[in-house]
Amino acid sequence: MNLIESVKTCFKKYGVIEGRASRSEYWFFILFYALISLPLEFFAYENLNIVIIELIITIGFLIPTITVATRRLHDVNRSGWWQLISFTIIGIIPLLYWLCKSSDEENNRFGSNPLK
């Protein structure tokens, strides 16, 4: 999956938490969000209008980011609720591991492998 397909898929599945998402779908979507938000963050200190635009973009990306992370965790046979572990400082380490881990080859309780 490339960057464009990933972004289209994530916005098409805007509120869908069922199923699984491949590593490329998740990380390309995060890359796209970073490429949009980081330049705005840089210029936000100079202009209030940019702050408002950045806030709108952040709110617009909030649900797709949570849902694609949930589907990514489903891909490694974890519940989407494991995202809450990121609120603890040490919890970021296992969460990043699961988000970077390769997909389960076989079907799991959340569905079939998205790469097949």
N, C-alpha and C. Protein backbone atom coordinates (compact mmCIF):
# COMPACT_ATOMS: atom_id res chain seq x y z
N MET A 1 0.85 -1.17 0.00
CA MET A 1 0.00 0.00 0.00
C MET A 1 0.89 1.24 0.00
N ASN A 2 0.59 2.20 -0.85
CA ASN A 2 1.39 3.42 -0.90
C ASN A 2 0.71 4.53 -0.10
N LEU A 3 1.31 5.71 -0.13
CA LEU A 3 0.83 6.84 0.68
C LEU A 3 -0.58 7.25 0.29
N ILE A 4 -0.85 7.38 -0.98
CA ILE A 4 -2.17 7.84 -1.44
C ILE A 4 -3.25 6.82 -1.08
N GLU A 5 -2.97 5.55 -1.34
CA GLU A 5 -3.95 4.50 -1.02
C GLU A 5 -4.22 4.45 0.48
N SER A 6 -3.19 4.62 1.26
CA SER A 6 -3.34 4.59 2.71
C SER A 6 -4.23 5.71 3.20
N VAL A 7 -4.00 6.91 2.72
CA VAL A 7 -4.80 8.06 3.14
C VAL A 7 -6.25 7.88 2.70
N LYS A 8 -6.45 7.43 1.47
CA LYS A 8 -7.81 7.20 0.99
C LYS A 8 -8.52 6.14 1.83
N THR A 9 -7.83 5.06 2.13
CA THR A 9 -8.42 3.99 2.92
C THR A 9 -8.78 4.46 4.31
N CYS A 10 -7.89 5.21 4.93
CA CYS A 10 -8.15 5.66 6.31
C CYS A 10 -9.30 6.65 6.37
N PHE A 11 -9.44 7.51 5.37
CA PHE A 11 -10.57 8.43 5.40
C PHE A 11 -11.86 7.75 4.94
N LYS A 12 -11.74 6.73 4.11
CA LYS A 12 -12.93 5.97 3.72
C LYS A 12 -13.47 5.19 4.91
N LYS A 13 -12.56 4.69 5.75
CA LYS A 13 -12.95 3.97 6.96
C LYS A 13 -12.86 4.91 8.16
N TYR A 14 -13.43 6.09 8.04
CA TYR A 14 -13.30 7.17 9.01
C TYR A 14 -13.59 6.73 10.44
N GLY A 15 -14.67 6.03 10.67
CA GLY A 15 -15.04 5.63 12.02
C GLY A 15 -15.08 4.13 12.20
N VAL A 16 -14.49 3.39 11.28
CA VAL A 16 -14.57 1.92 11.30
C VAL A 16 -13.44 1.36 12.15
N ILE A 17 -13.80 0.63 13.21
CA ILE A 17 -12.78 0.01 14.05
C ILE A 17 -12.71 -1.49 13.84
N GLU A 18 -13.64 -2.05 13.07
CA GLU A 18 -13.61 -3.48 12.80
C GLU A 18 -12.57 -3.77 11.72
N GLY A 19 -11.99 -4.93 11.82
CA GLY A 19 -11.03 -5.36 10.80
C GLY A 19 -9.60 -5.09 11.21
N ARG A 20 -8.73 -5.17 10.22
CA ARG A 20 -7.31 -5.06 10.45
C ARG A 20 -6.69 -4.07 9.47
N ALA A 21 -5.58 -3.46 9.88
CA ALA A 21 -4.84 -2.53 9.02
C ALA A 21 -3.38 -2.97 8.98
N SER A 22 -2.80 -2.96 7.81
CA SER A 22 -1.40 -3.35 7.66
C SER A 22 -0.48 -2.26 8.21
N ARG A 23 0.78 -2.63 8.36
CA ARG A 23 1.77 -1.66 8.83
C ARG A 23 1.86 -0.47 7.89
N SER A 24 1.89 -0.76 6.59
CA SER A 24 2.04 0.33 5.63
C SER A 24 0.84 1.27 5.66
N GLU A 25 -0.36 0.73 5.83
CA GLU A 25 -1.54 1.59 5.91
C GLU A 25 -1.41 2.52 7.11
N TYR A 26 -1.04 2.01 8.25
CA TYR A 26 -0.93 2.83 9.46
C TYR A 26 0.19 3.86 9.34
N TRP A 27 1.39 3.41 9.00
CA TRP A 27 2.54 4.32 9.02
C TRP A 27 2.51 5.35 7.91
N PHE A 28 1.97 4.99 6.74
CA PHE A 28 1.83 6.01 5.69
C PHE A 28 0.81 7.08 6.10
N PHE A 29 -0.25 6.66 6.78
CA PHE A 29 -1.23 7.64 7.25
C PHE A 29 -0.60 8.56 8.29
N ILE A 30 0.18 8.02 9.20
CA ILE A 30 0.85 8.84 10.22
C ILE A 30 1.86 9.78 9.55
N LEU A 31 2.57 9.29 8.54
CA LEU A 31 3.50 10.14 7.80
C LEU A 31 2.77 11.29 7.12
N PHE A 32 1.64 11.01 6.49
CA PHE A 32 0.84 12.05 5.84
C PHE A 32 0.40 13.10 6.86
N TYR A 33 -0.08 12.66 7.99
CA TYR A 33 -0.50 13.59 9.04
C TYR A 33 0.67 14.44 9.52
N ALA A 34 1.83 13.82 9.69
CA ALA A 34 3.01 14.56 10.13
C ALA A 34 3.46 15.58 9.08
N LEU A 35 3.40 15.20 7.80
CA LEU A 35 3.80 16.12 6.73
C LEU A 35 2.88 17.33 6.65
N ILE A 36 1.66 17.18 7.07
CA ILE A 36 0.73 18.30 7.07
C ILE A 36 0.86 19.13 8.35
N SER A 37 0.93 18.47 9.49
CA SER A 37 0.88 19.19 10.76
C SER A 37 2.19 19.84 11.18
N LEU A 38 3.32 19.23 10.87
CA LEU A 38 4.59 19.79 11.31
C LEU A 38 4.90 21.16 10.70
N PRO A 39 4.72 21.37 9.39
CA PRO A 39 4.94 22.72 8.87
C PRO A 39 3.97 23.75 9.46
N LEU A 40 2.73 23.33 9.68
CA LEU A 40 1.78 24.26 10.30
C LEU A 40 2.19 24.59 11.72
N GLU A 41 2.69 23.61 12.43
CA GLU A 41 3.17 23.83 13.80
C GLU A 41 4.32 24.82 13.81
N PHE A 42 5.18 24.74 12.83
CA PHE A 42 6.33 25.64 12.75
C PHE A 42 5.91 27.09 12.57
N PHE A 43 4.90 27.32 11.72
CA PHE A 43 4.44 28.67 11.43
C PHE A 43 3.33 29.14 12.35
N ALA A 44 2.85 28.29 13.23
CA ALA A 44 1.72 28.64 14.09
C ALA A 44 2.06 29.75 15.08
N TYR A 45 3.31 29.90 15.43
CA TYR A 45 3.68 30.94 16.38
C TYR A 45 3.59 32.34 15.78
N GLU A 46 3.57 32.44 14.48
CA GLU A 46 3.56 33.73 13.82
C GLU A 46 2.17 34.24 13.47
N ASN A 47 1.19 33.33 13.36
CA ASN A 47 -0.10 33.75 12.83
C ASN A 47 -1.22 32.97 13.52
N LEU A 48 -2.21 33.68 14.01
CA LEU A 48 -3.34 33.06 14.67
C LEU A 48 -4.20 32.26 13.70
N ASN A 49 -4.28 32.70 12.46
CA ASN A 49 -5.07 31.96 11.46
C ASN A 49 -4.50 30.56 11.23
N ILE A 50 -3.20 30.43 11.26
CA ILE A 50 -2.57 29.12 11.09
C ILE A 50 -2.87 28.23 12.28
N VAL A 51 -2.94 28.81 13.46
CA VAL A 51 -3.29 28.04 14.66
C VAL A 51 -4.71 27.48 14.51
N ILE A 52 -5.61 28.27 14.01
CA ILE A 52 -6.99 27.82 13.81
C ILE A 52 -7.05 26.73 12.74
N ILE A 53 -6.31 26.88 11.66
CA ILE A 53 -6.26 25.86 10.61
C ILE A 53 -5.67 24.57 11.16
N GLU A 54 -4.62 24.69 11.95
CA GLU A 54 -4.00 23.51 12.55
C GLU A 54 -4.96 22.80 13.50
N LEU A 55 -5.73 23.55 14.26
CA LEU A 55 -6.71 22.97 15.17
C LEU A 55 -7.79 22.22 14.40
N ILE A 56 -8.26 22.78 13.33
CA ILE A 56 -9.28 22.13 12.49
C ILE A 56 -8.73 20.83 11.90
N ILE A 57 -7.50 20.87 11.41
CA ILE A 57 -6.88 19.67 10.83
C ILE A 57 -6.69 18.60 11.91
N THR A 58 -6.24 19.01 13.08
CA THR A 58 -6.04 18.05 14.17
C THR A 58 -7.35 17.39 14.56
N ILE A 59 -8.41 18.16 14.67
CA ILE A 59 -9.72 17.59 15.00
C ILE A 59 -10.20 16.66 13.88
N GLY A 60 -9.96 17.05 12.64
CA GLY A 60 -10.36 16.21 11.50
C GLY A 60 -9.60 14.90 11.42
N PHE A 61 -8.37 14.90 11.88
CA PHE A 61 -7.55 13.69 11.83
C PHE A 61 -7.67 12.84 13.10
N LEU A 62 -8.32 13.32 14.13
CA LEU A 62 -8.38 12.61 15.40
C LEU A 62 -9.05 11.24 15.28
N ILE A 63 -10.25 11.20 14.75
CA ILE A 63 -10.97 9.93 14.64
C ILE A 63 -10.28 8.95 13.70
N PRO A 64 -9.85 9.37 12.49
CA PRO A 64 -9.16 8.40 11.64
C PRO A 64 -7.87 7.87 12.25
N THR A 65 -7.17 8.70 13.00
CA THR A 65 -5.93 8.25 13.63
C THR A 65 -6.21 7.21 14.70
N ILE A 66 -7.24 7.41 15.50
CA ILE A 66 -7.60 6.44 16.53
C ILE A 66 -8.09 5.14 15.89
N THR A 67 -8.91 5.25 14.85
CA THR A 67 -9.46 4.03 14.25
C THR A 67 -8.41 3.24 13.49
N VAL A 68 -7.49 3.90 12.80
CA VAL A 68 -6.46 3.14 12.09
C VAL A 68 -5.50 2.51 13.09
N ALA A 69 -5.24 3.16 14.22
CA ALA A 69 -4.41 2.54 15.25
C ALA A 69 -5.12 1.33 15.85
N THR A 70 -6.43 1.43 16.02
CA THR A 70 -7.20 0.29 16.52
C THR A 70 -7.12 -0.88 15.56
N ARG A 71 -7.32 -0.61 14.26
CA ARG A 71 -7.23 -1.68 13.28
C ARG A 71 -5.81 -2.23 13.18
N ARG A 72 -4.80 -1.38 13.40
CA ARG A 72 -3.40 -1.86 13.39
C ARG A 72 -3.16 -2.79 14.57
N LEU A 73 -3.67 -2.44 15.73
CA LEU A 73 -3.53 -3.32 16.89
C LEU A 73 -4.30 -4.62 16.68
N HIS A 74 -5.44 -4.55 16.01
CA HIS A 74 -6.17 -5.77 15.67
C HIS A 74 -5.32 -6.67 14.79
N ASP A 75 -4.49 -6.08 13.94
CA ASP A 75 -3.66 -6.85 13.03
C ASP A 75 -2.62 -7.69 13.77
N VAL A 76 -2.22 -7.26 14.95
CA VAL A 76 -1.27 -8.02 15.76
C VAL A 76 -1.98 -8.72 16.92
N ASN A 77 -3.29 -8.89 16.78
CA ASN A 77 -4.14 -9.64 17.72
C ASN A 77 -4.19 -8.98 19.10
N ARG A 78 -4.29 -7.66 19.12
CA ARG A 78 -4.47 -6.90 20.36
C ARG A 78 -5.76 -6.09 20.24
N SER A 79 -6.36 -5.80 21.35
CA SER A 79 -7.55 -4.96 21.37
C SER A 79 -7.16 -3.50 21.13
N GLY A 80 -8.05 -2.74 20.55
CA GLY A 80 -7.79 -1.33 20.33
C GLY A 80 -7.68 -0.54 21.62
N TRP A 81 -8.22 -1.09 22.69
CA TRP A 81 -8.14 -0.42 23.99
C TRP A 81 -6.69 -0.30 24.47
N TRP A 82 -5.78 -1.08 23.90
CA TRP A 82 -4.38 -0.98 24.30
C TRP A 82 -3.77 0.37 23.97
N GLN A 83 -4.44 1.19 23.16
CA GLN A 83 -3.95 2.53 22.89
C GLN A 83 -3.89 3.37 24.16
N LEU A 84 -4.77 3.06 25.10
CA LEU A 84 -4.80 3.82 26.35
C LEU A 84 -3.53 3.66 27.17
N ILE A 85 -2.76 2.63 26.88
CA ILE A 85 -1.50 2.43 27.60
C ILE A 85 -0.51 3.56 27.31
N SER A 86 -0.74 4.30 26.25
CA SER A 86 0.16 5.40 25.91
C SER A 86 0.07 6.56 26.90
N PHE A 87 -0.98 6.59 27.72
CA PHE A 87 -1.10 7.64 28.73
C PHE A 87 -0.10 7.45 29.87
N THR A 88 0.45 6.27 29.98
CA THR A 88 1.54 6.05 30.92
C THR A 88 2.83 6.23 30.13
N ILE A 89 3.84 6.71 30.76
CA ILE A 89 5.09 6.97 30.04
C ILE A 89 5.71 5.67 29.54
N ILE A 90 5.77 4.68 30.37
CA ILE A 90 6.40 3.40 30.01
C ILE A 90 5.56 2.64 28.99
N GLY A 91 4.27 2.91 28.93
CA GLY A 91 3.37 2.19 28.03
C GLY A 91 3.60 2.49 26.56
N ILE A 92 4.29 3.57 26.27
CA ILE A 92 4.56 3.92 24.88
C ILE A 92 5.47 2.88 24.23
N ILE A 93 6.34 2.27 25.01
CA ILE A 93 7.30 1.30 24.46
C ILE A 93 6.59 0.06 23.90
N PRO A 94 5.74 -0.63 24.67
CA PRO A 94 5.06 -1.79 24.07
C PRO A 94 4.10 -1.39 22.96
N LEU A 95 3.47 -0.21 23.08
CA LEU A 95 2.55 0.23 22.03
C LEU A 95 3.30 0.43 20.72
N LEU A 96 4.45 1.08 20.77
CA LEU A 96 5.25 1.25 19.55
C LEU A 96 5.71 -0.09 18.99
N TYR A 97 6.04 -1.01 19.87
CA TYR A 97 6.44 -2.34 19.40
C TYR A 97 5.29 -2.99 18.64
N TRP A 98 4.09 -2.95 19.19
CA TRP A 98 2.94 -3.57 18.53
C TRP A 98 2.59 -2.87 17.22
N LEU A 99 2.75 -1.55 17.18
CA LEU A 99 2.45 -0.82 15.95
C LEU A 99 3.48 -1.11 14.86
N CYS A 100 4.70 -1.47 15.26
CA CYS A 100 5.77 -1.77 14.29
C CYS A 100 5.86 -3.25 13.95
N LYS A 101 5.26 -4.08 14.76
CA LYS A 101 5.34 -5.53 14.59
C LYS A 101 4.66 -5.95 13.28
N SER A 102 5.19 -7.00 12.66
CA SER A 102 4.57 -7.48 11.42
C SER A 102 3.23 -8.14 11.71
N SER A 103 2.42 -8.23 10.69
CA SER A 103 1.06 -8.76 10.82
C SER A 103 1.07 -10.23 11.19
N ASP A 104 -0.01 -10.66 11.86
CA ASP A 104 -0.22 -12.09 12.05
C ASP A 104 -0.52 -12.71 10.69
N GLU A 105 0.21 -13.75 10.36
CA GLU A 105 0.04 -14.38 9.04
C GLU A 105 -1.33 -15.02 8.88
N GLU A 106 -1.82 -15.61 9.93
CA GLU A 106 -3.10 -16.32 9.87
C GLU A 106 -4.24 -15.38 10.25
N ASN A 107 -5.45 -15.85 10.04
CA ASN A 107 -6.61 -15.12 10.51
C ASN A 107 -6.59 -15.08 12.03
N ASN A 108 -7.05 -13.99 12.60
CA ASN A 108 -7.17 -13.92 14.05
C ASN A 108 -8.60 -13.52 14.39
N ARG A 109 -8.87 -13.24 15.63
CA ARG A 109 -10.24 -12.97 16.05
C ARG A 109 -10.81 -11.68 15.47
N PHE A 110 -9.96 -10.86 14.84
CA PHE A 110 -10.40 -9.60 14.28
C PHE A 110 -10.58 -9.65 12.76
N GLY A 111 -10.26 -10.77 12.14
CA GLY A 111 -10.46 -10.90 10.70
C GLY A 111 -9.27 -11.52 10.01
N SER A 112 -9.32 -11.44 8.69
CA SER A 112 -8.26 -12.04 7.88
C SER A 112 -7.11 -11.06 7.68
N ASN A 113 -5.98 -11.58 7.25
CA ASN A 113 -4.79 -10.78 7.02
C ASN A 113 -5.08 -9.76 5.91
N PRO A 114 -4.84 -8.46 6.15
CA PRO A 114 -5.15 -7.45 5.13
C PRO A 114 -4.21 -7.51 3.92
N LEU A 115 -3.08 -8.17 4.05
CA LEU A 115 -2.14 -8.25 2.93
C LEU A 115 -2.45 -9.39 1.98
N LYS A 116 -3.40 -10.24 2.35
CA LYS A 116 -3.72 -11.36 1.48
C LYS A 116 -5.03 -11.16 0.79
